[in-house]
Amino acid sequence: MRASALTVLLCCLFLIGCGSDFVPPSFPTTGLAAEPLGQVMDVDVSLPQLFVPVAMASGLNLVLRLEIEAAGFGQHEARYIIEDAVADMNLMVDVEDLGTGVTTITVTPDRWLTTRIGPLRIGEALFELLLEGTPERGGRFVSGNAWESQTALSGSFSGWARHRFLVATTDLSAAGRITEVSLVREGEIRVRANLTPVSPDPFLRRSGEGVFVMNRLTFDNVQRLDPDADFATTWQVGVGVGANPHDAVLLDDGRVLVTRYEPPFNDLVILDAGSGQLLGTVPLAGLAENPDGTPRADRLALIDGVVFVGLQDIDRTFTRFAEGKLAVVDPLQDAVVGVIPLGGRNPGAMEVVVASDGTARLYVALAGIFAGLQPQELSGGVVVVDPVNRVLERMALDDDVAGGNIGALAMVSDELGYVVASDAAFTNRVLAFDPAGGTIRRVLLETNVFVPELEVDSGGVLAVPDTSFNRPRLCLYRVAADPATPEIELGCADLDLAPLSLEALD
């Protein structure tokens, strides 16, 4: 029974990815430029000395949501939303905002400070807030003092950055949707479903401050989503009939590079990030070594202004595989300036890891050959590339050690990573591994359900999709600071459709 369910899923994915008669209509667009991806914080404020006339007592607790235009150090504009207000004796009170709804937050390594929040009104009483505290955990938690700015009555506050994951769900037939799953205050899982329509074969990419959807073969278009408008589509553009876009990367100069996987395209297409207008291409066909000359450009990585393009180098029949490689592209020239052989077949997911000494390494998953048109072949694993010297450095995990083809990769550090390894019977294991020693640390999960991707956010939360037909979910795990410590399951978010692609937003 489990094998038949897997067969149905793989068949559906094959039909979506390799041709169908369904052509979706153009999705609604906002017609506005997309805002950059920011940060959301949930803030609890306690003002025990503030007199609340409607309660005839002192004491007020506020729950705020801050939508901050950017994370990190500096001055950032933030919208504030008052979600809850409770006076003494647990009396719920209405708070009216008479201000602009906007504050400015200044963040340094040891200080977190707002400008005035308000004026706010409860009944006939007016007050304003100031918050000042100390950031911790890389800025994901902040706590400190709160003041009513007119009277200097003091209180306290605590704030938590949300862990947000964007998920592209699909019925594998006619429809796809964007859903947001958030971990709030480090404990509560919330779901915002059906935000934006996408194709049934979507691939999500968060690149810098941009969020994109590649609607793959037969749909052949790219959407840019606006985080400031509940991830509505700001533009949607076709990239060529049969082009099969696979990935996107946002450049600092306001352009987007998109891989076009299928012949006769075999290239990168260049789009304007603001409008989606096609600006040019970077040819890649000359780099292929298989008999059909099809490079199969798949994933992208941007490191210090240089773009690395994963080339699977597979023929038209998907039966002849040349060695996988990376094309090195200089965006200033819009040209290939190097090629890095990877020593294995079928490169897929790529992750950039910056070590404590500031040096970057590119980790590349080499899937080998999955059982299907050919017998299973373990000819890959996870390799490490030096992006400065542009050479293959070493093997971080051999797929023989993993016990299957590597289909997904998520890196926490140069001491901890996660992969999905699939054996010949399509049993999938989510494995924690040691990239330095090339060994398996532990098995997190074993399932006969397809696990398309893994994601780890900057706050140490791992997201694992469950594509079960009867109960699709996204499950979240806490990653410990010590790589030897097992993960803690935080819970799972029920989804309306199967999660096919996901991206960490924080």
Protein backbone atom coordinates (compact mmCIF):
# COMPACT_ATOMS: atom_id res chain seq x y z
CA MET A 1 0.00 0.00 0.00
CA ARG A 2 2.81 2.42 0.90
CA ALA A 3 4.68 1.57 -2.29
CA SER A 4 1.61 2.19 -4.43
CA ALA A 5 1.06 5.61 -2.86
CA LEU A 6 4.65 6.54 -3.62
CA THR A 7 4.24 5.32 -7.20
CA VAL A 8 1.19 7.54 -7.65
CA LEU A 9 3.07 10.56 -6.31
CA LEU A 10 6.08 9.97 -8.57
CA CYS A 11 3.83 9.51 -11.57
CA CYS A 12 2.05 12.76 -10.80
CA LEU A 13 5.35 14.60 -10.49
CA PHE A 14 6.52 13.09 -13.77
CA LEU A 15 3.36 14.18 -15.57
CA ILE A 16 3.64 17.69 -14.19
CA GLY A 17 7.34 18.08 -14.87
CA CYS A 18 7.42 16.41 -18.27
CA GLY A 19 4.31 17.63 -20.00
CA SER A 20 0.56 18.09 -19.58
CA ASP A 21 -2.32 19.74 -21.40
CA PHE A 22 -3.10 22.10 -18.55
CA VAL A 23 -2.11 25.72 -19.09
CA PRO A 24 -3.04 27.99 -16.17
CA PRO A 25 -4.44 31.46 -16.69
CA SER A 26 -2.31 34.42 -15.76
CA PHE A 27 -2.50 34.99 -12.04
CA PRO A 28 -3.69 38.35 -10.66
CA THR A 29 -0.87 40.83 -10.16
CA THR A 30 -0.69 43.92 -7.97
CA GLY A 31 1.00 46.06 -10.60
CA LEU A 32 3.18 47.50 -7.83
CA ALA A 33 6.86 47.03 -7.11
CA ALA A 34 7.57 44.31 -4.54
CA GLU A 35 8.77 45.47 -1.16
CA PRO A 36 11.89 43.82 0.30
CA LEU A 37 11.54 40.89 2.66
CA GLY A 38 11.70 42.06 6.27
CA GLN A 39 11.27 40.62 9.77
CA VAL A 40 8.23 40.11 12.00
CA MET A 41 8.51 40.39 15.79
CA ASP A 42 5.90 39.66 18.45
CA VAL A 43 6.25 41.96 21.46
CA ASP A 44 4.67 41.71 24.92
CA VAL A 45 4.59 45.01 26.86
CA SER A 46 3.76 45.34 30.57
CA LEU A 47 2.96 48.76 32.08
CA PRO A 48 1.94 47.97 35.69
CA GLN A 49 1.79 51.64 36.80
CA LEU A 50 -0.27 53.01 33.92
CA PHE A 51 -3.77 53.98 35.08
CA VAL A 52 -6.53 52.69 32.80
CA PRO A 53 -9.73 54.71 33.44
CA VAL A 54 -12.14 52.19 31.93
CA ALA A 55 -10.81 49.56 34.34
CA MET A 56 -10.57 52.00 37.26
CA ALA A 57 -7.20 50.46 38.08
CA SER A 58 -3.53 50.56 37.15
CA GLY A 59 -1.86 48.03 34.91
CA LEU A 60 -1.93 47.34 31.19
CA ASN A 61 -0.50 44.49 29.09
CA LEU A 62 -0.17 44.98 25.35
CA VAL A 63 0.55 42.47 22.59
CA LEU A 64 2.15 44.11 19.54
CA ARG A 65 3.22 42.80 16.17
CA LEU A 66 6.09 44.67 14.54
CA GLU A 67 6.53 44.33 10.79
CA ILE A 68 10.10 45.54 10.32
CA GLU A 69 11.36 46.48 6.87
CA ALA A 70 14.68 44.67 7.35
CA ALA A 71 16.52 42.52 9.88
CA GLY A 72 19.99 43.25 11.20
CA PHE A 73 21.80 46.31 12.49
CA GLY A 74 20.82 49.85 11.51
CA GLN A 75 17.69 52.00 11.51
CA HIS A 76 14.58 50.29 10.20
CA GLU A 77 11.04 51.51 9.73
CA ALA A 78 8.42 49.23 11.26
CA ARG A 79 4.65 49.04 11.21
CA TYR A 80 3.12 48.26 14.59
CA ILE A 81 -0.18 46.43 15.04
CA ILE A 82 -1.88 46.18 18.44
CA GLU A 83 -3.19 42.63 18.61
CA ASP A 84 -4.38 42.54 22.21
CA ALA A 85 -4.76 44.79 25.28
CA VAL A 86 -5.59 43.56 28.77
CA ALA A 87 -6.07 45.76 31.84
CA ASP A 88 -6.24 44.80 35.50
CA MET A 89 -8.48 41.84 36.42
CA ASN A 90 -8.00 40.46 32.88
CA LEU A 91 -10.32 43.09 31.44
CA MET A 92 -10.01 43.27 27.65
CA VAL A 93 -9.87 46.90 26.49
CA ASP A 94 -9.96 48.55 23.07
CA VAL A 95 -6.91 50.55 22.06
CA GLU A 96 -7.21 53.15 19.30
CA ASP A 97 -4.06 54.19 17.46
CA LEU A 98 -4.05 57.94 16.77
CA GLY A 99 -0.56 57.89 15.30
CA THR A 100 0.83 56.89 11.94
CA GLY A 101 1.10 53.20 12.78
CA VAL A 102 4.83 53.41 12.12
CA THR A 103 7.87 53.58 14.39
CA THR A 104 11.62 53.55 13.72
CA ILE A 105 13.76 50.86 15.33
CA THR A 106 17.50 51.35 15.87
CA VAL A 107 19.47 48.13 16.31
CA THR A 108 23.11 47.83 17.38
CA PRO A 109 24.92 44.79 18.83
CA ASP A 110 23.97 45.84 22.36
CA ARG A 111 20.94 48.14 21.96
CA TRP A 112 17.43 47.93 20.51
CA LEU A 113 15.37 51.15 20.62
CA THR A 114 12.08 52.38 19.14
CA THR A 115 10.86 55.88 18.53
CA ARG A 116 7.45 56.73 19.95
CA ILE A 117 4.60 54.29 19.40
CA GLY A 118 1.27 56.11 19.34
CA PRO A 119 -0.41 58.24 20.54
CA LEU A 120 -2.71 55.45 21.73
CA ARG A 121 -6.11 55.97 23.32
CA ILE A 122 -8.13 53.87 25.76
CA GLY A 123 -11.41 55.65 26.40
CA GLU A 124 -10.41 59.24 27.13
CA ALA A 125 -6.86 58.39 28.22
CA LEU A 126 -3.96 59.07 25.86
CA PHE A 127 -0.47 57.59 26.14
CA GLU A 128 2.62 56.83 24.05
CA LEU A 129 5.20 54.06 24.27
CA LEU A 130 8.97 53.87 24.06
CA LEU A 131 10.82 50.55 24.11
CA GLU A 132 14.53 50.08 24.79
CA GLY A 133 16.26 46.78 25.32
CA THR A 134 19.16 44.46 24.58
CA PRO A 135 19.15 42.11 21.58
CA GLU A 136 20.12 38.47 22.16
CA ARG A 137 20.39 35.26 20.12
CA GLY A 138 21.58 37.07 17.03
CA GLY A 139 18.81 39.66 17.33
CA ARG A 140 16.03 37.08 17.42
CA PHE A 141 15.09 37.95 21.01
CA VAL A 142 15.05 41.33 22.75
CA SER A 143 13.99 42.42 26.23
CA GLY A 144 14.24 45.55 28.31
CA ASN A 145 12.35 48.60 29.55
CA ALA A 146 9.11 50.17 28.39
CA TRP A 147 8.04 53.73 29.20
CA GLU A 148 4.94 55.82 28.83
CA SER A 149 6.68 58.79 27.25
CA GLN A 150 4.50 61.56 28.74
CA THR A 151 4.68 60.47 32.39
CA ALA A 152 7.86 58.34 32.33
CA LEU A 153 5.95 55.51 34.02
CA SER A 154 8.08 52.44 33.46
CA GLY A 155 7.44 48.82 32.62
CA SER A 156 9.06 46.02 30.69
CA PHE A 157 8.84 44.24 27.37
CA SER A 158 10.01 41.10 25.56
CA GLY A 159 10.10 40.50 21.81
CA TRP A 160 10.59 37.41 19.68
CA ALA A 161 11.37 37.28 15.96
CA ARG A 162 9.11 34.86 14.14
CA HIS A 163 10.45 31.80 12.36
CA ARG A 164 8.64 31.97 9.01
CA PHE A 165 8.59 29.36 6.26
CA LEU A 166 6.92 29.94 2.91
CA VAL A 167 5.48 26.77 1.40
CA ALA A 168 4.30 26.03 -2.13
CA THR A 169 1.60 23.37 -1.88
CA THR A 170 0.07 21.43 -4.77
CA ASP A 171 -2.64 18.94 -5.71
CA LEU A 172 -0.18 17.59 -8.34
CA SER A 173 -2.80 18.15 -11.01
CA ALA A 174 -4.32 21.57 -11.55
CA ALA A 175 -3.60 23.93 -8.67
CA GLY A 176 -0.90 25.18 -6.37
CA ARG A 177 -1.00 27.66 -3.50
CA ILE A 178 1.34 29.65 -1.31
CA THR A 179 1.07 29.13 2.47
CA GLU A 180 3.03 30.70 5.32
CA VAL A 181 3.89 28.62 8.39
CA SER A 182 5.27 30.54 11.40
CA LEU A 183 6.67 29.61 14.77
CA VAL A 184 5.54 32.40 17.11
CA ARG A 185 7.21 33.16 20.47
CA GLU A 186 9.27 29.98 20.02
CA GLY A 187 6.26 27.78 20.75
CA GLU A 188 3.04 28.39 18.79
CA ILE A 189 2.73 27.24 15.16
CA ARG A 190 0.47 29.38 12.98
CA VAL A 191 -0.64 28.86 9.38
CA ARG A 192 -1.81 31.40 6.83
CA ALA A 193 -3.11 29.38 3.91
CA ASN A 194 -4.06 30.09 0.30
CA LEU A 195 -2.19 33.40 0.05
CA THR A 196 -1.41 33.30 -3.68
CA PRO A 197 -2.15 30.90 -6.57
CA VAL A 198 0.76 29.19 -8.30
CA SER A 199 1.06 26.28 -10.72
CA PRO A 200 0.89 22.66 -9.52
CA ASP A 201 4.64 22.35 -10.20
CA PRO A 202 6.17 25.31 -8.32
CA PHE A 203 9.67 25.91 -6.99
CA LEU A 204 10.11 28.64 -4.37
CA ARG A 205 13.23 30.75 -4.02
CA ARG A 206 14.04 33.42 -1.47
CA SER A 207 17.07 35.32 -2.80
CA GLY A 208 18.28 38.30 -0.82
CA GLU A 209 15.22 40.46 -0.22
CA GLY A 210 13.24 38.91 -3.08
CA VAL A 211 10.82 35.96 -3.18
CA PHE A 212 10.19 34.16 -6.48
CA VAL A 213 8.21 31.19 -7.79
CA MET A 214 9.37 29.16 -10.78
CA ASN A 215 6.37 27.52 -12.41
CA ARG A 216 8.11 24.72 -14.24
CA LEU A 217 7.67 22.73 -17.45
CA THR A 218 4.49 23.46 -19.49
CA PHE A 219 3.84 26.48 -17.24
CA ASP A 220 7.20 28.09 -18.02
CA ASN A 221 6.84 31.33 -16.07
CA VAL A 222 8.24 33.17 -13.08
CA GLN A 223 6.32 35.07 -10.41
CA ARG A 224 7.71 37.64 -8.00
CA LEU A 225 5.86 37.76 -4.69
CA ASP A 226 5.46 40.82 -2.46
CA PRO A 227 6.10 40.09 1.25
CA ASP A 228 4.47 43.41 2.12
CA ALA A 229 1.18 42.38 0.48
CA ASP A 230 0.69 38.88 1.92
CA PHE A 231 2.91 37.49 -0.85
CA ALA A 232 0.63 38.61 -3.64
CA THR A 233 2.08 38.33 -7.15
CA THR A 234 3.65 41.63 -8.17
CA TRP A 235 4.59 40.39 -11.65
CA GLN A 236 4.41 37.18 -13.65
CA VAL A 237 6.38 36.66 -16.85
CA GLY A 238 6.77 33.76 -19.29
CA VAL A 239 10.35 32.74 -20.00
CA GLY A 240 9.75 30.70 -23.17
CA VAL A 241 7.46 27.80 -24.08
CA GLY A 242 9.07 24.63 -22.79
CA ALA A 243 11.87 26.52 -20.99
CA ASN A 244 11.17 24.84 -17.62
CA PRO A 245 12.62 27.48 -15.23
CA HIS A 246 14.25 25.86 -12.20
CA ASP A 247 15.78 28.56 -9.97
CA ALA A 248 16.35 32.30 -9.58
CA VAL A 249 18.89 34.57 -7.93
CA LEU A 250 18.51 38.30 -7.25
CA LEU A 251 21.56 40.42 -8.06
CA ASP A 252 22.54 43.65 -6.32
CA ASP A 253 22.08 45.60 -9.57
CA GLY A 254 18.33 44.91 -9.69
CA ARG A 255 18.39 42.00 -12.11
CA VAL A 256 17.28 38.40 -11.68
CA LEU A 257 18.98 35.37 -13.23
CA VAL A 258 16.77 32.34 -13.95
CA THR A 259 17.90 28.89 -15.11
CA ARG A 260 16.14 27.53 -18.21
CA TYR A 261 16.48 23.75 -17.93
CA GLU A 262 15.22 22.49 -21.28
CA PRO A 263 16.56 22.65 -24.84
CA PRO A 264 16.70 24.64 -27.02
CA PHE A 265 17.15 27.27 -24.28
CA ASN A 266 19.98 25.74 -22.20
CA ASP A 267 20.86 29.06 -20.56
CA LEU A 268 20.26 31.69 -17.94
CA VAL A 269 17.63 34.29 -18.76
CA ILE A 270 18.08 37.77 -17.28
CA LEU A 271 15.00 39.59 -15.95
CA ASP A 272 14.43 43.05 -14.53
CA ALA A 273 13.65 42.54 -10.82
CA GLY A 274 11.17 45.42 -10.76
CA SER A 275 9.07 44.51 -13.78
CA GLY A 276 10.03 41.03 -14.95
CA GLN A 277 11.08 42.37 -18.34
CA LEU A 278 13.44 40.08 -20.27
CA LEU A 279 16.83 41.73 -20.61
CA GLY A 280 19.13 39.07 -22.07
CA THR A 281 20.63 35.60 -21.69
CA VAL A 282 23.83 33.82 -20.70
CA PRO A 283 24.36 30.75 -22.98
CA LEU A 284 25.41 27.51 -21.28
CA ALA A 285 25.00 24.87 -24.02
CA GLY A 286 28.70 24.80 -24.86
CA LEU A 287 29.50 23.42 -21.41
CA ALA A 288 27.54 20.17 -21.80
CA GLU A 289 29.42 16.92 -22.34
CA ASN A 290 26.51 14.51 -22.85
CA PRO A 291 25.76 13.42 -26.48
CA ASP A 292 22.78 15.78 -26.82
CA GLY A 293 24.62 18.86 -25.57
CA THR A 294 22.02 19.67 -22.92
CA PRO A 295 23.61 21.24 -19.81
CA ARG A 296 20.43 21.02 -17.68
CA ALA A 297 21.00 24.21 -15.65
CA ASP A 298 19.35 23.69 -12.28
CA ARG A 299 20.19 25.46 -9.00
CA LEU A 300 21.94 28.79 -8.43
CA ALA A 301 24.13 30.25 -5.68
CA LEU A 302 25.44 33.80 -5.29
CA ILE A 303 28.72 34.33 -3.41
CA ASP A 304 30.53 37.68 -3.31
CA GLY A 305 28.91 38.86 -6.52
CA VAL A 306 29.70 35.67 -8.48
CA VAL A 307 26.96 33.25 -9.59
CA PHE A 308 27.48 29.48 -9.47
CA VAL A 309 25.16 27.46 -11.72
CA GLY A 310 24.63 23.75 -11.12
CA LEU A 311 24.75 21.84 -14.43
CA GLN A 312 23.35 18.30 -14.30
CA ASP A 313 24.59 17.53 -17.84
CA ILE A 314 21.94 14.92 -18.76
CA ASP A 315 20.77 14.04 -22.27
CA ARG A 316 17.23 14.44 -23.65
CA THR A 317 16.21 10.89 -22.64
CA PHE A 318 17.50 11.19 -19.07
CA THR A 319 19.52 8.01 -19.53
CA ARG A 320 23.00 9.38 -20.22
CA PHE A 321 24.66 11.39 -17.46
CA ALA A 322 27.94 13.25 -17.81
CA GLU A 323 29.86 14.52 -14.79
CA GLY A 324 28.03 17.24 -12.91
CA LYS A 325 29.67 20.64 -12.83
CA LEU A 326 29.31 24.27 -11.81
CA ALA A 327 29.36 27.08 -14.33
CA VAL A 328 30.92 30.23 -12.85
CA VAL A 329 29.15 33.34 -14.16
CA ASP A 330 30.34 36.92 -13.77
CA PRO A 331 27.23 39.15 -13.76
CA LEU A 332 29.33 42.17 -14.70
CA GLN A 333 30.11 40.49 -18.02
CA ASP A 334 26.98 38.33 -18.29
CA ALA A 335 29.34 35.53 -19.27
CA VAL A 336 30.74 32.21 -18.07
CA VAL A 337 34.23 32.71 -16.65
CA GLY A 338 34.95 29.21 -15.38
CA VAL A 339 33.78 25.62 -14.88
CA ILE A 340 34.22 23.47 -11.77
CA PRO A 341 33.90 19.67 -12.25
CA LEU A 342 32.17 18.12 -9.24
CA GLY A 343 33.38 14.53 -9.37
CA GLY A 344 29.88 13.01 -9.36
CA ARG A 345 26.55 13.04 -11.15
CA ASN A 346 23.36 15.06 -11.02
CA PRO A 347 23.97 18.16 -8.83
CA GLY A 348 20.92 19.55 -7.08
CA ALA A 349 20.56 21.57 -3.88
CA MET A 350 23.34 24.02 -3.02
CA GLU A 351 23.98 25.72 0.32
CA VAL A 352 26.44 28.47 1.26
CA VAL A 353 28.07 28.15 4.68
CA VAL A 354 30.19 30.93 6.20
CA ALA A 355 32.61 29.60 8.81
CA SER A 356 33.52 31.41 12.01
CA ASP A 357 36.66 32.78 10.33
CA GLY A 358 34.51 34.44 7.64
CA THR A 359 35.43 32.09 4.79
CA ALA A 360 32.57 30.83 2.62
CA ARG A 361 32.17 27.33 1.23
CA LEU A 362 29.57 26.05 -1.22
CA TYR A 363 28.04 22.66 -0.36
CA VAL A 364 26.53 20.83 -3.35
CA ALA A 365 24.28 17.76 -3.22
CA LEU A 366 25.05 15.22 -5.97
CA ALA A 367 22.04 12.93 -6.37
CA GLY A 368 23.63 10.27 -8.58
CA ILE A 369 21.01 8.28 -10.51
CA PHE A 370 17.68 7.41 -8.92
CA ALA A 371 16.14 4.02 -9.63
CA GLY A 372 13.69 4.31 -12.55
CA LEU A 373 14.73 4.55 -16.17
CA GLN A 374 18.04 3.08 -15.06
CA PRO A 375 19.15 1.05 -12.05
CA GLN A 376 20.02 3.07 -8.97
CA GLU A 377 23.57 4.41 -9.01
CA LEU A 378 25.27 5.95 -6.00
CA SER A 379 27.71 8.29 -7.70
CA GLY A 380 27.40 11.37 -5.58
CA GLY A 381 26.93 12.68 -2.06
CA VAL A 382 27.64 16.16 -0.72
CA VAL A 383 30.77 17.93 -1.94
CA VAL A 384 32.45 21.14 -0.81
CA VAL A 385 33.56 23.81 -3.29
CA ASP A 386 36.01 26.63 -2.59
CA PRO A 387 34.29 29.60 -4.28
CA VAL A 388 37.36 31.84 -4.15
CA ASN A 389 39.81 29.49 -5.84
CA ARG A 390 36.94 27.88 -7.75
CA VAL A 391 37.94 24.28 -7.13
CA LEU A 392 36.34 21.15 -5.72
CA GLU A 393 37.77 20.86 -2.22
CA ARG A 394 36.52 17.60 -0.74
CA MET A 395 33.66 15.20 -0.13
CA ALA A 396 31.58 16.12 2.92
CA LEU A 397 29.33 13.03 2.76
CA ASP A 398 29.54 10.03 0.43
CA ASP A 399 26.16 8.69 -0.69
CA ASP A 400 27.42 5.17 0.09
CA VAL A 401 27.73 6.29 3.71
CA ALA A 402 24.28 7.89 3.55
CA GLY A 403 22.84 4.69 2.08
CA GLY A 404 20.97 6.28 -0.83
CA ASN A 405 20.67 9.04 -3.39
CA ILE A 406 20.90 12.53 -1.90
CA GLY A 407 17.73 14.38 -2.85
CA ALA A 408 17.69 17.34 -0.44
CA LEU A 409 20.25 19.29 1.57
CA ALA A 410 20.12 21.87 4.37
CA MET A 411 23.22 23.18 6.13
CA VAL A 412 23.40 24.60 9.66
CA SER A 413 27.17 25.02 9.87
CA ASP A 414 30.42 23.36 8.85
CA GLU A 415 29.74 20.91 11.70
CA LEU A 416 26.10 20.00 11.00
CA GLY A 417 24.00 19.40 7.91
CA TYR A 418 20.87 17.49 6.93
CA VAL A 419 20.15 15.39 3.85
CA VAL A 420 17.38 13.20 2.51
CA ALA A 421 18.77 9.84 1.36
CA SER A 422 16.56 7.57 -0.78
CA ASP A 423 17.30 3.87 -1.26
CA ALA A 424 16.33 1.72 -4.26
CA ALA A 425 12.91 1.02 -2.71
CA PHE A 426 12.36 4.80 -2.25
CA THR A 427 12.53 4.64 1.52
CA ASN A 428 13.54 8.14 2.52
CA ARG A 429 15.65 8.93 5.56
CA VAL A 430 16.28 12.42 6.91
CA LEU A 431 19.83 12.26 8.23
CA ALA A 432 21.89 14.63 10.37
CA PHE A 433 25.52 14.42 9.29
CA ASP A 434 28.95 15.76 10.17
CA PRO A 435 30.34 17.63 7.12
CA ALA A 436 33.84 17.70 8.60
CA GLY A 437 34.09 13.99 9.31
CA GLY A 438 31.80 12.69 6.58
CA THR A 439 29.78 10.59 9.03
CA ILE A 440 26.11 10.20 9.92
CA ARG A 441 25.27 11.72 13.30
CA ARG A 442 21.73 10.32 13.59
CA VAL A 443 18.52 9.42 11.73
CA LEU A 444 15.87 12.08 12.29
CA LEU A 445 13.11 10.45 10.26
CA GLU A 446 12.46 7.40 8.07
CA THR A 447 9.45 7.34 5.76
CA ASN A 448 8.11 6.00 2.49
CA VAL A 449 6.63 9.42 1.77
CA PHE A 450 8.43 11.72 -0.68
CA VAL A 451 10.50 14.42 1.11
CA PRO A 452 11.17 17.04 -1.59
CA GLU A 453 13.20 19.62 0.38
CA LEU A 454 14.63 20.59 3.76
CA GLU A 455 15.07 24.08 5.19
CA VAL A 456 16.87 25.49 8.23
CA ASP A 457 16.34 29.13 9.19
CA SER A 458 18.83 31.49 10.81
CA GLY A 459 17.31 30.84 14.24
CA GLY A 460 17.96 27.11 14.23
CA VAL A 461 14.56 25.72 13.24
CA LEU A 462 14.50 22.84 10.74
CA ALA A 463 11.44 22.38 8.50
CA VAL A 464 10.63 18.94 7.06
CA PRO A 465 7.69 18.55 4.64
CA ASP A 466 5.32 15.59 4.84
CA THR A 467 3.63 15.04 1.46
CA SER A 468 1.17 12.36 2.66
CA PHE A 469 -2.04 12.46 0.62
CA ASN A 470 -4.25 11.92 3.66
CA ARG A 471 -2.53 14.48 5.90
CA PRO A 472 0.00 16.84 4.30
CA ARG A 473 2.03 18.73 6.91
CA LEU A 474 5.12 20.79 7.60
CA CYS A 475 6.96 19.61 10.70
CA LEU A 476 9.34 21.86 12.67
CA TYR A 477 12.32 20.81 14.79
CA ARG A 478 14.56 22.76 17.14
CA VAL A 479 18.25 22.39 16.23
CA ALA A 480 20.53 22.45 19.27
CA ALA A 481 23.68 24.54 19.47
CA ASP A 482 25.69 21.37 20.01
CA PRO A 483 25.66 19.32 16.77
CA ALA A 484 25.78 16.11 18.82
CA THR A 485 22.50 16.92 20.58
CA PRO A 486 19.35 15.46 18.98
CA GLU A 487 16.67 17.73 17.54
CA ILE A 488 13.46 18.47 19.45
CA GLU A 489 10.19 18.20 17.52
CA LEU A 490 8.20 21.41 17.98
CA GLY A 491 5.07 20.25 16.18
CA CYS A 492 3.55 20.04 12.72
CA ALA A 493 1.35 22.41 10.74
CA ASP A 494 -1.52 20.78 8.85
CA LEU A 495 -1.71 21.95 5.23
CA ASP A 496 -4.51 21.82 2.67
CA LEU A 497 -2.30 20.39 -0.09
CA ALA A 498 1.02 18.56 -0.32
CA PRO A 499 4.11 20.76 0.34
CA LEU A 500 6.33 20.52 -2.74
CA SER A 501 8.73 23.43 -2.15
CA LEU A 502 9.63 25.62 0.82
CA GLU A 503 11.90 28.48 1.80
CA ALA A 504 12.98 29.88 5.15
CA LEU A 505 12.19 33.59 5.26
CA ASP A 506 14.28 34.40 8.35
